[in-house]
Amino acid sequence: NAAAVGEVIRAGIRALAARHPAIGDVRGRGLMIGVELVADPAARTPDAALAARIQNGLRERGVLVGITARAENVLKIRPPLVVTGEDAGLLIDALEEALVAAGA
């Protein structure tokens, strides 16, 4: 379940990256997922302020994520092991809403 649902989440976030250039990279294994946020997609300049805005936007939508990395620009997504594909869709929708609200 962790591998399958994790891949669904990563694929959904990669699809968001096509519409939101502030998503610099999506990486992870199983349900451990990192979403790098950047100010300049070409230079991959870390954007800690955007990460904080998106983290708060997700919290307002009922999704709790952390922030990690030296530059504090990577969303750390660690859903519980019982997460389902339906839950993954809710996460992706909330992330897109938070990205739009944050101006990303």
PDB file of N, CA and C in Angstrom:
ATOM      1  N   ASN A   1       0.834  -1.198   0.000  1.00  0.00           N
ATOM      2  CA  ASN A   1       0.000   0.000   0.000  1.00  0.00           C
ATOM      3  C   ASN A   1       0.874   1.256   0.000  1.00  0.00           C
ATOM      4  N   ALA A   2       1.918   1.260   0.823  1.00  0.00           N
ATOM      5  CA  ALA A   2       2.771   2.450   0.902  1.00  0.00           C
ATOM      6  C   ALA A   2       3.411   2.762  -0.447  1.00  0.00           C
ATOM      7  N   ALA A   3       3.903   1.740  -1.127  1.00  0.00           N
ATOM      8  CA  ALA A   3       4.539   1.959  -2.428  1.00  0.00           C
ATOM      9  C   ALA A   3       3.527   2.428  -3.462  1.00  0.00           C
ATOM     10  N   ALA A   4       2.373   1.784  -3.501  1.00  0.00           N
ATOM     11  CA  ALA A   4       1.367   2.117  -4.517  1.00  0.00           C
ATOM     12  C   ALA A   4       0.778   3.504  -4.298  1.00  0.00           C
ATOM     13  N   VAL A   5       0.350   3.792  -3.083  1.00  0.00           N
ATOM     14  CA  VAL A   5      -0.256   5.099  -2.816  1.00  0.00           C
ATOM     15  C   VAL A   5       0.800   6.195  -2.886  1.00  0.00           C
ATOM     16  N   GLY A   6       2.019   5.903  -2.445  1.00  0.00           N
ATOM     17  CA  GLY A   6       3.101   6.886  -2.556  1.00  0.00           C
ATOM     18  C   GLY A   6       3.346   7.283  -4.000  1.00  0.00           C
ATOM     19  N   GLU A   7       3.309   6.304  -4.891  1.00  0.00           N
ATOM     20  CA  GLU A   7       3.504   6.603  -6.317  1.00  0.00           C
ATOM     21  C   GLU A   7       2.346   7.428  -6.864  1.00  0.00           C
ATOM     22  N   VAL A   8       1.127   7.152  -6.421  1.00  0.00           N
ATOM     23  CA  VAL A   8      -0.031   7.954  -6.835  1.00  0.00           C
ATOM     24  C   VAL A   8       0.156   9.406  -6.400  1.00  0.00           C
ATOM     25  N   ILE A   9       0.613   9.601  -5.179  1.00  0.00           N
ATOM     26  CA  ILE A   9       0.818  10.964  -4.671  1.00  0.00           C
ATOM     27  C   ILE A   9       1.923  11.666  -5.454  1.00  0.00           C
ATOM     28  N   ARG A  10       3.063  10.982  -5.638  1.00  0.00           N
ATOM     29  CA  ARG A  10       4.167  11.606  -6.389  1.00  0.00           C
ATOM     30  C   ARG A  10       3.755  11.932  -7.818  1.00  0.00           C
ATOM     31  N   ALA A  11       3.018  11.037  -8.469  1.00  0.00           N
ATOM     32  CA  ALA A  11       2.561  11.295  -9.844  1.00  0.00           C
ATOM     33  C   ALA A  11       1.613  12.491  -9.874  1.00  0.00           C
ATOM     34  N   GLY A  12       0.736  12.585  -8.898  1.00  0.00           N
ATOM     35  CA  GLY A  12      -0.176  13.727  -8.835  1.00  0.00           C
ATOM     36  C   GLY A  12       0.557  15.031  -8.631  1.00  0.00           C
ATOM     37  N   ILE A  13       1.585  15.017  -7.789  1.00  0.00           N
ATOM     38  CA  ILE A  13       2.348  16.248  -7.551  1.00  0.00           C
ATOM     39  C   ILE A  13       3.178  16.598  -8.783  1.00  0.00           C
ATOM     40  N   ARG A  14       3.697  15.592  -9.469  1.00  0.00           N
ATOM     41  CA  ARG A  14       4.431  15.870 -10.727  1.00  0.00           C
ATOM     42  C   ARG A  14       3.503  16.502 -11.764  1.00  0.00           C
ATOM     43  N   ALA A  15       2.253  16.066 -11.796  1.00  0.00           N
ATOM     44  CA  ALA A  15       1.281  16.680 -12.710  1.00  0.00           C
ATOM     45  C   ALA A  15       1.049  18.133 -12.321  1.00  0.00           C
ATOM     46  N   LEU A  16       1.003  18.415 -11.019  1.00  0.00           N
ATOM     47  CA  LEU A  16       0.865  19.813 -10.570  1.00  0.00           C
ATOM     48  C   LEU A  16       2.087  20.632 -10.989  1.00  0.00           C
ATOM     49  N   ALA A  17       3.260  20.014 -10.964  1.00  0.00           N
ATOM     50  CA  ALA A  17       4.496  20.726 -11.320  1.00  0.00           C
ATOM     51  C   ALA A  17       4.455  21.243 -12.752  1.00  0.00           C
ATOM     52  N   ALA A  18       3.715  20.562 -13.616  1.00  0.00           N
ATOM     53  CA  ALA A  18       3.595  21.023 -15.001  1.00  0.00           C
ATOM     54  C   ALA A  18       2.846  22.351 -15.070  1.00  0.00           C
ATOM     55  N   ARG A  19       1.981  22.607 -14.099  1.00  0.00           N
ATOM     56  CA  ARG A  19       1.197  23.848 -14.073  1.00  0.00           C
ATOM     57  C   ARG A  19       1.738  24.877 -13.088  1.00  0.00           C
ATOM     58  N   HIS A  20       2.589  24.429 -12.177  1.00  0.00           N
ATOM     59  CA  HIS A  20       3.124  25.318 -11.139  1.00  0.00           C
ATOM     60  C   HIS A  20       4.649  25.209 -11.138  1.00  0.00           C
ATOM     61  N   PRO A  21       5.336  26.109 -11.840  1.00  0.00           N
ATOM     62  CA  PRO A  21       6.793  26.012 -11.950  1.00  0.00           C
ATOM     63  C   PRO A  21       7.525  26.195 -10.624  1.00  0.00           C
ATOM     64  N   ALA A  22       6.831  26.606  -9.578  1.00  0.00           N
ATOM     65  CA  ALA A  22       7.480  26.737  -8.267  1.00  0.00           C
ATOM     66  C   ALA A  22       7.830  25.380  -7.676  1.00  0.00           C
ATOM     67  N   ILE A  23       7.240  24.301  -8.206  1.00  0.00           N
ATOM     68  CA  ILE A  23       7.614  22.958  -7.767  1.00  0.00           C
ATOM     69  C   ILE A  23       8.863  22.570  -8.542  1.00  0.00           C
ATOM     70  N   GLY A  24       9.990  22.587  -7.849  1.00  0.00           N
ATOM     71  CA  GLY A  24      11.260  22.312  -8.507  1.00  0.00           C
ATOM     72  C   GLY A  24      11.548  20.834  -8.673  1.00  0.00           C
ATOM     73  N   ASP A  25      11.138  20.018  -7.680  1.00  0.00           N
ATOM     74  CA  ASP A  25      11.411  18.598  -7.739  1.00  0.00           C
ATOM     75  C   ASP A  25      10.451  17.868  -6.806  1.00  0.00           C
ATOM     76  N   VAL A  26      10.163  16.632  -7.153  1.00  0.00           N
ATOM     77  CA  VAL A  26       9.341  15.751  -6.317  1.00  0.00           C
ATOM     78  C   VAL A  26      10.141  14.472  -6.162  1.00  0.00           C
ATOM     79  N   ARG A  27      10.401  14.088  -4.919  1.00  0.00           N
ATOM     80  CA  ARG A  27      11.190  12.883  -4.700  1.00  0.00           C
ATOM     81  C   ARG A  27      10.677  12.130  -3.478  1.00  0.00           C
ATOM     82  N   GLY A  28      11.093  10.903  -3.371  1.00  0.00           N
ATOM     83  CA  GLY A  28      10.716  10.125  -2.212  1.00  0.00           C
ATOM     84  C   GLY A  28      10.636   8.652  -2.522  1.00  0.00           C
ATOM     85  N   ARG A  29      10.265   7.928  -1.499  1.00  0.00           N
ATOM     86  CA  ARG A  29      10.104   6.481  -1.609  1.00  0.00           C
ATOM     87  C   ARG A  29       8.974   6.070  -0.694  1.00  0.00           C
ATOM     88  N   GLY A  30       8.082   5.253  -1.202  1.00  0.00           N
ATOM     89  CA  GLY A  30       6.934   4.873  -0.394  1.00  0.00           C
ATOM     90  C   GLY A  30       6.119   6.110  -0.054  1.00  0.00           C
ATOM     91  N   LEU A  31       5.802   6.250   1.216  1.00  0.00           N
ATOM     92  CA  LEU A  31       5.001   7.405   1.649  1.00  0.00           C
ATOM     93  C   LEU A  31       5.851   8.556   2.183  1.00  0.00           C
ATOM     94  N   MET A  32       7.156   8.475   2.048  1.00  0.00           N
ATOM     95  CA  MET A  32       8.033   9.594   2.417  1.00  0.00           C
ATOM     96  C   MET A  32       8.256  10.413   1.150  1.00  0.00           C
ATOM     97  N   ILE A  33       7.700  11.627   1.124  1.00  0.00           N
ATOM     98  CA  ILE A  33       7.709  12.424  -0.104  1.00  0.00           C
ATOM     99  C   ILE A  33       8.223  13.818   0.206  1.00  0.00           C
ATOM    100  N   GLY A  34       9.110  14.319  -0.646  1.00  0.00           N
ATOM    101  CA  GLY A  34       9.616  15.682  -0.534  1.00  0.00           C
ATOM    102  C   GLY A  34       9.241  16.469  -1.778  1.00  0.00           C
ATOM    103  N   VAL A  35       8.754  17.688  -1.557  1.00  0.00           N
ATOM    104  CA  VAL A  35       8.381  18.570  -2.668  1.00  0.00           C
ATOM    105  C   VAL A  35       9.204  19.841  -2.535  1.00  0.00           C
ATOM    106  N   GLU A  36      10.187  20.007  -3.429  1.00  0.00           N
ATOM    107  CA  GLU A  36      11.068  21.168  -3.393  1.00  0.00           C
ATOM    108  C   GLU A  36      10.366  22.364  -4.039  1.00  0.00           C
ATOM    109  N   LEU A  37      10.406  23.498  -3.345  1.00  0.00           N
ATOM    110  CA  LEU A  37       9.795  24.727  -3.861  1.00  0.00           C
ATOM    111  C   LEU A  37      10.888  25.736  -4.174  1.00  0.00           C
ATOM    112  N   VAL A  38      10.786  26.328  -5.358  1.00  0.00           N
ATOM    113  CA  VAL A  38      11.830  27.233  -5.832  1.00  0.00           C
ATOM    114  C   VAL A  38      11.242  28.557  -6.308  1.00  0.00           C
ATOM    115  N   ALA A  39      12.033  29.602  -6.180  1.00  0.00           N
ATOM    116  CA  ALA A  39      11.620  30.923  -6.653  1.00  0.00           C
ATOM    117  C   ALA A  39      11.880  31.063  -8.148  1.00  0.00           C
ATOM    118  N   ASP A  40      12.992  30.502  -8.613  1.00  0.00           N
ATOM    119  CA  ASP A  40      13.374  30.561 -10.024  1.00  0.00           C
ATOM    120  C   ASP A  40      13.586  29.135 -10.517  1.00  0.00           C
ATOM    121  N   PRO A  41      12.669  28.635 -11.353  1.00  0.00           N
ATOM    122  CA  PRO A  41      12.787  27.249 -11.802  1.00  0.00           C
ATOM    123  C   PRO A  41      14.090  26.945 -12.541  1.00  0.00           C
ATOM    124  N   ALA A  42      14.617  27.891 -13.290  1.00  0.00           N
ATOM    125  CA  ALA A  42      15.837  27.640 -14.055  1.00  0.00           C
ATOM    126  C   ALA A  42      17.048  27.521 -13.130  1.00  0.00           C
ATOM    127  N   ALA A  43      17.154  28.430 -12.172  1.00  0.00           N
ATOM    128  CA  ALA A  43      18.294  28.428 -11.255  1.00  0.00           C
ATOM    129  C   ALA A  43      18.049  27.543 -10.036  1.00  0.00           C
ATOM    130  N   ARG A  44      16.800  27.089  -9.848  1.00  0.00           N
ATOM    131  CA  ARG A  44      16.394  26.275  -8.691  1.00  0.00           C
ATOM    132  C   ARG A  44      16.731  26.962  -7.370  1.00  0.00           C
ATOM    133  N   THR A  45      16.435  28.263  -7.324  1.00  0.00           N
ATOM    134  CA  THR A  45      16.647  29.052  -6.121  1.00  0.00           C
ATOM    135  C   THR A  45      15.621  28.658  -5.060  1.00  0.00           C
ATOM    136  N   PRO A  46      16.063  28.215  -3.884  1.00  0.00           N
ATOM    137  CA  PRO A  46      15.124  27.801  -2.830  1.00  0.00           C
ATOM    138  C   PRO A  46      14.193  28.938  -2.422  1.00  0.00           C
ATOM    139  N   ASP A  47      12.941  28.601  -2.119  1.00  0.00           N
ATOM    140  CA  ASP A  47      11.960  29.604  -1.706  1.00  0.00           C
ATOM    141  C   ASP A  47      11.301  29.165  -0.391  1.00  0.00           C
ATOM    142  N   ALA A  48      11.960  29.518   0.708  1.00  0.00           N
ATOM    143  CA  ALA A  48      11.475  29.150   2.045  1.00  0.00           C
ATOM    144  C   ALA A  48      10.163  29.856   2.374  1.00  0.00           C
ATOM    145  N   ALA A  49      10.012  31.098   1.948  1.00  0.00           N
ATOM    146  CA  ALA A  49       8.785  31.844   2.248  1.00  0.00           C
ATOM    147  C   ALA A  49       7.579  31.182   1.579  1.00  0.00           C
ATOM    148  N   LEU A  50       7.751  30.741   0.347  1.00  0.00           N
ATOM    149  CA  LEU A  50       6.670  30.044  -0.351  1.00  0.00           C
ATOM    150  C   LEU A  50       6.341  28.728   0.352  1.00  0.00           C
ATOM    151  N   ALA A  51       7.365  28.000   0.766  1.00  0.00           N
ATOM    152  CA  ALA A  51       7.135  26.738   1.476  1.00  0.00           C
ATOM    153  C   ALA A  51       6.307  26.975   2.738  1.00  0.00           C
ATOM    154  N   ALA A  52       6.613  28.034   3.477  1.00  0.00           N
ATOM    155  CA  ALA A  52       5.860  28.346   4.696  1.00  0.00           C
ATOM    156  C   ALA A  52       4.409  28.705   4.367  1.00  0.00           C
ATOM    157  N   ARG A  53       4.201  29.482   3.295  1.00  0.00           N
ATOM    158  CA  ARG A  53       2.833  29.843   2.906  1.00  0.00           C
ATOM    159  C   ARG A  53       2.027  28.613   2.501  1.00  0.00           C
ATOM    160  N   ILE A  54       2.663  27.727   1.763  1.00  0.00           N
ATOM    161  CA  ILE A  54       1.965  26.521   1.329  1.00  0.00           C
ATOM    162  C   ILE A  54       1.706  25.599   2.519  1.00  0.00           C
ATOM    163  N   GLN A  55       2.658  25.478   3.413  1.00  0.00           N
ATOM    164  CA  GLN A  55       2.448  24.667   4.615  1.00  0.00           C
ATOM    165  C   GLN A  55       1.239  25.185   5.397  1.00  0.00           C
ATOM    166  N   ASN A  56       1.155  26.490   5.569  1.00  0.00           N
ATOM    167  CA  ASN A  56       0.015  27.070   6.280  1.00  0.00           C
ATOM    168  C   ASN A  56      -1.285  26.880   5.500  1.00  0.00           C
ATOM    169  N   GLY A  57      -1.226  27.017   4.184  1.00  0.00           N
ATOM    170  CA  GLY A  57      -2.411  26.805   3.355  1.00  0.00           C
ATOM    171  C   GLY A  57      -2.914  25.375   3.441  1.00  0.00           C
ATOM    172  N   LEU A  58      -1.988  24.427   3.474  1.00  0.00           N
ATOM    173  CA  LEU A  58      -2.381  23.031   3.619  1.00  0.00           C
ATOM    174  C   LEU A  58      -2.993  22.782   5.000  1.00  0.00           C
ATOM    175  N   ARG A  59      -2.392  23.379   6.033  1.00  0.00           N
ATOM    176  CA  ARG A  59      -2.938  23.222   7.384  1.00  0.00           C
ATOM    177  C   ARG A  59      -4.362  23.738   7.463  1.00  0.00           C
ATOM    178  N   GLU A  60      -4.616  24.881   6.820  1.00  0.00           N
ATOM    179  CA  GLU A  60      -5.974  25.445   6.788  1.00  0.00           C
ATOM    180  C   GLU A  60      -6.951  24.517   6.079  1.00  0.00           C
ATOM    181  N   ARG A  61      -6.435  23.663   5.210  1.00  0.00           N
ATOM    182  CA  ARG A  61      -7.273  22.722   4.462  1.00  0.00           C
ATOM    183  C   ARG A  61      -7.286  21.334   5.105  1.00  0.00           C
ATOM    184  N   GLY A  62      -6.721  21.224   6.305  1.00  0.00           N
ATOM    185  CA  GLY A  62      -6.758  19.970   7.042  1.00  0.00           C
ATOM    186  C   GLY A  62      -5.655  18.984   6.719  1.00  0.00           C
ATOM    187  N   VAL A  63      -4.586  19.446   6.045  1.00  0.00           N
ATOM    188  CA  VAL A  63      -3.476  18.569   5.689  1.00  0.00           C
ATOM    189  C   VAL A  63      -2.226  19.061   6.413  1.00  0.00           C
ATOM    190  N   LEU A  64      -1.625  18.191   7.209  1.00  0.00           N
ATOM    191  CA  LEU A  64      -0.427  18.560   7.965  1.00  0.00           C
ATOM    192  C   LEU A  64       0.815  18.039   7.264  1.00  0.00           C
ATOM    193  N   VAL A  65       1.745  18.941   6.972  1.00  0.00           N
ATOM    194  CA  VAL A  65       3.037  18.596   6.386  1.00  0.00           C
ATOM    195  C   VAL A  65       4.109  19.354   7.145  1.00  0.00           C
ATOM    196  N   GLY A  66       5.326  18.890   7.022  1.00  0.00           N
ATOM    197  CA  GLY A  66       6.451  19.580   7.630  1.00  0.00           C
ATOM    198  C   GLY A  66       7.273  20.275   6.568  1.00  0.00           C
ATOM    199  N   ILE A  67       8.291  20.981   7.041  1.00  0.00           N
ATOM    200  CA  ILE A  67       9.246  21.625   6.140  1.00  0.00           C
ATOM    201  C   ILE A  67      10.629  21.136   6.535  1.00  0.00           C
ATOM    202  N   THR A  68      11.442  20.838   5.538  1.00  0.00           N
ATOM    203  CA  THR A  68      12.777  20.326   5.790  1.00  0.00           C
ATOM    204  C   THR A  68      13.759  20.925   4.781  1.00  0.00           C
ATOM    205  N   ALA A  69      14.996  20.561   4.865  1.00  0.00           N
ATOM    206  CA  ALA A  69      16.126  20.978   4.024  1.00  0.00           C
ATOM    207  C   ALA A  69      16.835  22.161   4.665  1.00  0.00           C
ATOM    208  N   ARG A  70      18.077  22.333   4.313  1.00  0.00           N
ATOM    209  CA  ARG A  70      18.856  23.464   4.846  1.00  0.00           C
ATOM    210  C   ARG A  70      18.197  24.794   4.545  1.00  0.00           C
ATOM    211  N   ALA A  71      17.668  24.913   3.349  1.00  0.00           N
ATOM    212  CA  ALA A  71      17.049  26.178   2.939  1.00  0.00           C
ATOM    213  C   ALA A  71      15.594  26.274   3.383  1.00  0.00           C
ATOM    214  N   GLU A  72      15.091  25.244   4.053  1.00  0.00           N
ATOM    215  CA  GLU A  72      13.708  25.203   4.530  1.00  0.00           C
ATOM    216  C   GLU A  72      12.705  25.439   3.400  1.00  0.00           C
ATOM    217  N   ASN A  73      12.962  24.784   2.263  1.00  0.00           N
ATOM    218  CA  ASN A  73      12.099  24.970   1.092  1.00  0.00           C
ATOM    219  C   ASN A  73      11.502  23.669   0.573  1.00  0.00           C
ATOM    220  N   VAL A  74      11.569  22.605   1.359  1.00  0.00           N
ATOM    221  CA  VAL A  74      11.046  21.312   0.927  1.00  0.00           C
ATOM    222  C   VAL A  74       9.897  20.907   1.841  1.00  0.00           C
ATOM    223  N   LEU A  75       8.735  20.676   1.235  1.00  0.00           N
ATOM    224  CA  LEU A  75       7.601  20.159   1.994  1.00  0.00           C
ATOM    225  C   LEU A  75       7.844  18.685   2.261  1.00  0.00           C
ATOM    226  N   LYS A  76       7.716  18.295   3.502  1.00  0.00           N
ATOM    227  CA  LYS A  76       7.914  16.903   3.908  1.00  0.00           C
ATOM    228  C   LYS A  76       6.537  16.292   4.141  1.00  0.00           C
ATOM    229  N   ILE A  77       6.145  15.405   3.241  1.00  0.00           N
ATOM    230  CA  ILE A  77       4.820  14.783   3.305  1.00  0.00           C
ATOM    231  C   ILE A  77       5.005  13.354   3.804  1.00  0.00           C
ATOM    232  N   ARG A  78       4.360  13.038   4.927  1.00  0.00           N
ATOM    233  CA  ARG A  78       4.466  11.705   5.526  1.00  0.00           C
ATOM    234  C   ARG A  78       3.085  11.250   6.002  1.00  0.00           C
ATOM    235  N   PRO A  79       2.240  10.845   5.075  1.00  0.00           N
ATOM    236  CA  PRO A  79       0.905  10.398   5.486  1.00  0.00           C
ATOM    237  C   PRO A  79       0.983   9.075   6.258  1.00  0.00           C
ATOM    238  N   PRO A  80      -0.051   8.749   7.009  1.00  0.00           N
ATOM    239  CA  PRO A  80      -0.056   7.472   7.737  1.00  0.00           C
ATOM    240  C   PRO A  80      -0.106   6.286   6.770  1.00  0.00           C
ATOM    241  N   LEU A  81       0.332   5.135   7.250  1.00  0.00           N
ATOM    242  CA  LEU A  81       0.384   3.941   6.406  1.00  0.00           C
ATOM    243  C   LEU A  81      -0.983   3.495   5.896  1.00  0.00           C
ATOM    244  N   VAL A  82      -2.039   3.907   6.556  1.00  0.00           N
ATOM    245  CA  VAL A  82      -3.380   3.488   6.138  1.00  0.00           C
ATOM    246  C   VAL A  82      -3.995   4.425   5.097  1.00  0.00           C
ATOM    247  N   VAL A  83      -3.223   5.363   4.577  1.00  0.00           N
ATOM    248  CA  VAL A  83      -3.724   6.302   3.582  1.00  0.00           C
ATOM    249  C   VAL A  83      -4.193   5.530   2.343  1.00  0.00           C
ATOM    250  N   THR A  84      -5.254   6.034   1.730  1.00  0.00           N
ATOM    251  CA  THR A  84      -5.829   5.371   0.552  1.00  0.00           C
ATOM    252  C   THR A  84      -5.626   6.229  -0.689  1.00  0.00           C
ATOM    253  N   GLY A  85      -5.969   5.673  -1.832  1.00  0.00           N
ATOM    254  CA  GLY A  85      -5.918   6.444  -3.076  1.00  0.00           C
ATOM    255  C   GLY A  85      -6.849   7.638  -3.038  1.00  0.00           C
ATOM    256  N   GLU A  86      -8.000   7.480  -2.399  1.00  0.00           N
ATOM    257  CA  GLU A  86      -8.941   8.593  -2.253  1.00  0.00           C
ATOM    258  C   GLU A  86      -8.325   9.711  -1.411  1.00  0.00           C
ATOM    259  N   ASP A  87      -7.636   9.323  -0.335  1.00  0.00           N
ATOM    260  CA  ASP A  87      -6.946  10.314   0.504  1.00  0.00           C
ATOM    261  C   ASP A  87      -5.861  11.039  -0.303  1.00  0.00           C
ATOM    262  N   ALA A  88      -5.193  10.296  -1.178  1.00  0.00           N
ATOM    263  CA  ALA A  88      -4.154  10.891  -2.019  1.00  0.00           C
ATOM    264  C   ALA A  88      -4.750  11.982  -2.899  1.00  0.00           C
ATOM    265  N   GLY A  89      -5.933  11.727  -3.432  1.00  0.00           N
ATOM    266  CA  GLY A  89      -6.607  12.744  -4.248  1.00  0.00           C
ATOM    267  C   GLY A  89      -6.930  13.990  -3.451  1.00  0.00           C
ATOM    268  N   LEU A  90      -7.353  13.810  -2.210  1.00  0.00           N
ATOM    269  CA  LEU A  90      -7.633  14.962  -1.346  1.00  0.00           C
ATOM    270  C   LEU A  90      -6.365  15.768  -1.094  1.00  0.00           C
ATOM    271  N   LEU A  91      -5.251  15.075  -0.882  1.00  0.00           N
ATOM    272  CA  LEU A  91      -3.970  15.747  -0.666  1.00  0.00           C
ATOM    273  C   LEU A  91      -3.570  16.562  -1.888  1.00  0.00           C
ATOM    274  N   ILE A  92      -3.683  15.969  -3.069  1.00  0.00           N
ATOM    275  CA  ILE A  92      -3.306  16.651  -4.311  1.00  0.00           C
ATOM    276  C   ILE A  92      -4.188  17.885  -4.524  1.00  0.00           C
ATOM    277  N   ASP A  93      -5.484  17.738  -4.305  1.00  0.00           N
ATOM    278  CA  ASP A  93      -6.400  18.876  -4.463  1.00  0.00           C
ATOM    279  C   ASP A  93      -6.060  19.994  -3.484  1.00  0.00           C
ATOM    280  N   ALA A  94      -5.787  19.639  -2.236  1.00  0.00           N
ATOM    281  CA  ALA A  94      -5.445  20.645  -1.221  1.00  0.00           C
ATOM    282  C   ALA A  94      -4.135  21.336  -1.573  1.00  0.00           C
ATOM    283  N   LEU A  95      -3.169  20.569  -2.088  1.00  0.00           N
ATOM    284  CA  LEU A  95      -1.888  21.164  -2.471  1.00  0.00           C
ATOM    285  C   LEU A  95      -2.077  22.138  -3.618  1.00  0.00           C
ATOM    286  N   GLU A  96      -2.893  21.794  -4.589  1.00  0.00           N
ATOM    287  CA  GLU A  96      -3.111  22.719  -5.706  1.00  0.00           C
ATOM    288  C   GLU A  96      -3.804  23.997  -5.217  1.00  0.00           C
ATOM    289  N   GLU A  97      -4.788  23.860  -4.345  1.00  0.00           N
ATOM    290  CA  GLU A  97      -5.455  25.045  -3.781  1.00  0.00           C
ATOM    291  C   GLU A  97      -4.465  25.915  -3.024  1.00  0.00           C
ATOM    292  N   ALA A  98      -3.593  25.293  -2.240  1.00  0.00           N
ATOM    293  CA  ALA A  98      -2.599  26.050  -1.472  1.00  0.00           C
ATOM    294  C   ALA A  98      -1.586  26.731  -2.397  1.00  0.00           C
ATOM    295  N   LEU A  99      -1.196  26.058  -3.476  1.00  0.00           N
ATOM    296  CA  LEU A  99      -0.272  26.662  -4.439  1.00  0.00           C
ATOM    297  C   LEU A  99      -0.901  27.896  -5.084  1.00  0.00           C
ATOM    298  N   VAL A 100      -2.137  27.774  -5.490  1.00  0.00           N
ATOM    299  CA  VAL A 100      -2.832  28.907  -6.124  1.00  0.00           C
ATOM    300  C   VAL A 100      -2.979  30.052  -5.132  1.00  0.00           C
ATOM    301  N   ALA A 101      -3.396  29.735  -3.900  1.00  0.00           N
ATOM    302  CA  ALA A 101      -3.568  30.772  -2.882  1.00  0.00           C
ATOM    303  C   ALA A 101      -2.251  31.458  -2.544  1.00  0.00           C
ATOM    304  N   ALA A 102      -1.149  30.716  -2.627  1.00  0.00           N
ATOM    305  CA  ALA A 102       0.167  31.285  -2.300  1.00  0.00           C
ATOM    306  C   ALA A 102       0.778  32.027  -3.488  1.00  0.00           C
ATOM    307  N   GLY A 103       0.120  31.977  -4.628  1.00  0.00           N
ATOM    308  CA  GLY A 103       0.623  32.671  -5.803  1.00  0.00           C
ATOM    309  C   GLY A 103       1.729  31.941  -6.513  1.00  0.00           C
ATOM    310  N   ALA A 104       1.764  30.621  -6.381  1.00  0.00           N
ATOM    311  CA  ALA A 104       2.843  29.840  -7.001  1.00  0.00           C
ATOM    312  C   ALA A 104       2.426  29.321  -8.357  1.00  0.00           C
TER     313      ALA A 104
END
